[in-house]
Amino acid sequence: MMICERTVTGADAIKLAATANPWGPDLGADVAWVARVETWVTEWTDGASFVEFRIFDQQGTQRETRRVWS
């Protein structure tokens, strides 16, 4: 099961989108389109441990998904 740990919007979402792995989705310099970033985590009981970043544009469309494995 995955749990949405946090949702970041606005300028904070743009900053997070550009943050390098392992603690950000690392989209590089082209992040002006980012409006929201959701951070999803797995529960330890799932057998897989990762953080998933779901990145949305201004229209609410999910345009990117990045996973960082632990």
C-alpha atoms as a PDB file:
ATOM      1  CA  MET A   1       0.000   0.000   0.000  1.00  0.00           C
ATOM      2  CA  MET A   2       1.177   3.500  -0.799  1.00  0.00           C
ATOM      3  CA  ILE A   3       0.498   6.567   1.320  1.00  0.00           C
ATOM      4  CA  CYS A   4       0.561  10.198   0.176  1.00  0.00           C
ATOM      5  CA  GLU A   5       3.061  11.658   2.606  1.00  0.00           C
ATOM      6  CA  ARG A   6       2.876  15.266   1.391  1.00  0.00           C
ATOM      7  CA  THR A   7       1.667  17.574  -1.337  1.00  0.00           C
ATOM      8  CA  VAL A   8       3.709  20.612  -2.376  1.00  0.00           C
ATOM      9  CA  THR A   9       2.360  23.407  -4.601  1.00  0.00           C
ATOM     10  CA  GLY A  10       3.469  26.672  -6.206  1.00  0.00           C
ATOM     11  CA  ALA A  11       7.076  27.833  -5.963  1.00  0.00           C
ATOM     12  CA  ASP A  12       7.881  25.061  -3.471  1.00  0.00           C
ATOM     13  CA  ALA A  13       6.735  22.457  -6.026  1.00  0.00           C
ATOM     14  CA  ILE A  14       9.001  23.949  -8.692  1.00  0.00           C
ATOM     15  CA  LYS A  15      11.952  23.899  -6.290  1.00  0.00           C
ATOM     16  CA  LEU A  16      11.269  20.269  -5.290  1.00  0.00           C
ATOM     17  CA  ALA A  17      10.873  19.202  -8.943  1.00  0.00           C
ATOM     18  CA  ALA A  18      14.377  20.487  -9.704  1.00  0.00           C
ATOM     19  CA  THR A  19      15.944  18.821  -6.643  1.00  0.00           C
ATOM     20  CA  ALA A  20      18.331  16.006  -7.525  1.00  0.00           C
ATOM     21  CA  ASN A  21      17.784  12.399  -6.487  1.00  0.00           C
ATOM     22  CA  PRO A  22      17.626  10.752  -4.026  1.00  0.00           C
ATOM     23  CA  TRP A  23      15.303  13.239  -2.280  1.00  0.00           C
ATOM     24  CA  GLY A  24      13.728  14.895  -5.290  1.00  0.00           C
ATOM     25  CA  PRO A  25      12.351  13.854  -8.663  1.00  0.00           C
ATOM     26  CA  ASP A  26      15.273  15.527 -10.509  1.00  0.00           C
ATOM     27  CA  LEU A  27      13.460  16.965 -13.537  1.00  0.00           C
ATOM     28  CA  GLY A  28      16.375  19.269 -14.297  1.00  0.00           C
ATOM     29  CA  ALA A  29      16.044  22.913 -15.318  1.00  0.00           C
ATOM     30  CA  ASP A  30      12.792  22.698 -17.301  1.00  0.00           C
ATOM     31  CA  VAL A  31      10.360  22.802 -14.366  1.00  0.00           C
ATOM     32  CA  ALA A  32       8.424  26.045 -14.914  1.00  0.00           C
ATOM     33  CA  TRP A  33       5.330  23.984 -15.842  1.00  0.00           C
ATOM     34  CA  VAL A  34       5.196  22.213 -12.449  1.00  0.00           C
ATOM     35  CA  ALA A  35       2.211  23.166 -10.265  1.00  0.00           C
ATOM     36  CA  ARG A  36       2.059  20.315  -7.731  1.00  0.00           C
ATOM     37  CA  VAL A  37       4.280  17.491  -6.515  1.00  0.00           C
ATOM     38  CA  GLU A  38       2.903  14.647  -4.431  1.00  0.00           C
ATOM     39  CA  THR A  39       5.277  12.436  -2.465  1.00  0.00           C
ATOM     40  CA  TRP A  40       4.020   8.867  -2.050  1.00  0.00           C
ATOM     41  CA  VAL A  41       5.750   6.263   0.119  1.00  0.00           C
ATOM     42  CA  THR A  42       5.394   2.518   0.484  1.00  0.00           C
ATOM     43  CA  GLU A  43       4.751   0.763   3.747  1.00  0.00           C
ATOM     44  CA  TRP A  44       7.545  -1.523   4.940  1.00  0.00           C
ATOM     45  CA  THR A  45       5.181  -4.515   4.873  1.00  0.00           C
ATOM     46  CA  ASP A  46       4.918  -4.259   1.073  1.00  0.00           C
ATOM     47  CA  GLY A  47       8.338  -5.803   0.514  1.00  0.00           C
ATOM     48  CA  ALA A  48       9.445  -2.912  -1.714  1.00  0.00           C
ATOM     49  CA  SER A  49      10.763   0.337  -0.365  1.00  0.00           C
ATOM     50  CA  PHE A  50      10.605   3.453  -2.520  1.00  0.00           C
ATOM     51  CA  VAL A  51       9.385   7.019  -2.710  1.00  0.00           C
ATOM     52  CA  GLU A  52       7.291   8.001  -5.720  1.00  0.00           C
ATOM     53  CA  PHE A  53       7.048  11.594  -6.897  1.00  0.00           C
ATOM     54  CA  ARG A  54       3.917  12.403  -8.902  1.00  0.00           C
ATOM     55  CA  ILE A  55       4.304  15.683 -10.776  1.00  0.00           C
ATOM     56  CA  PHE A  56       1.310  17.670 -12.063  1.00  0.00           C
ATOM     57  CA  ASP A  57       0.971  20.671 -14.381  1.00  0.00           C
ATOM     58  CA  GLN A  58      -1.313  23.729 -14.031  1.00  0.00           C
ATOM     59  CA  GLN A  59      -4.283  21.830 -15.515  1.00  0.00           C
ATOM     60  CA  GLY A  60      -3.963  19.067 -12.926  1.00  0.00           C
ATOM     61  CA  THR A  61      -2.619  16.541 -15.423  1.00  0.00           C
ATOM     62  CA  GLN A  62      -0.054  14.122 -14.024  1.00  0.00           C
ATOM     63  CA  ARG A  63       2.851  14.516 -16.476  1.00  0.00           C
ATOM     64  CA  GLU A  64       5.671  12.711 -14.671  1.00  0.00           C
ATOM     65  CA  THR A  65       6.187   9.921 -12.163  1.00  0.00           C
ATOM     66  CA  ARG A  66       9.607   9.289 -10.679  1.00  0.00           C
ATOM     67  CA  ARG A  67      10.545   6.536  -8.233  1.00  0.00           C
ATOM     68  CA  VAL A  68      13.517   6.602  -5.922  1.00  0.00           C
ATOM     69  CA  TRP A  69      14.319   3.128  -4.541  1.00  0.00           C
ATOM     70  CA  SER A  70      15.682   2.715  -1.035  1.00  0.00           C
END
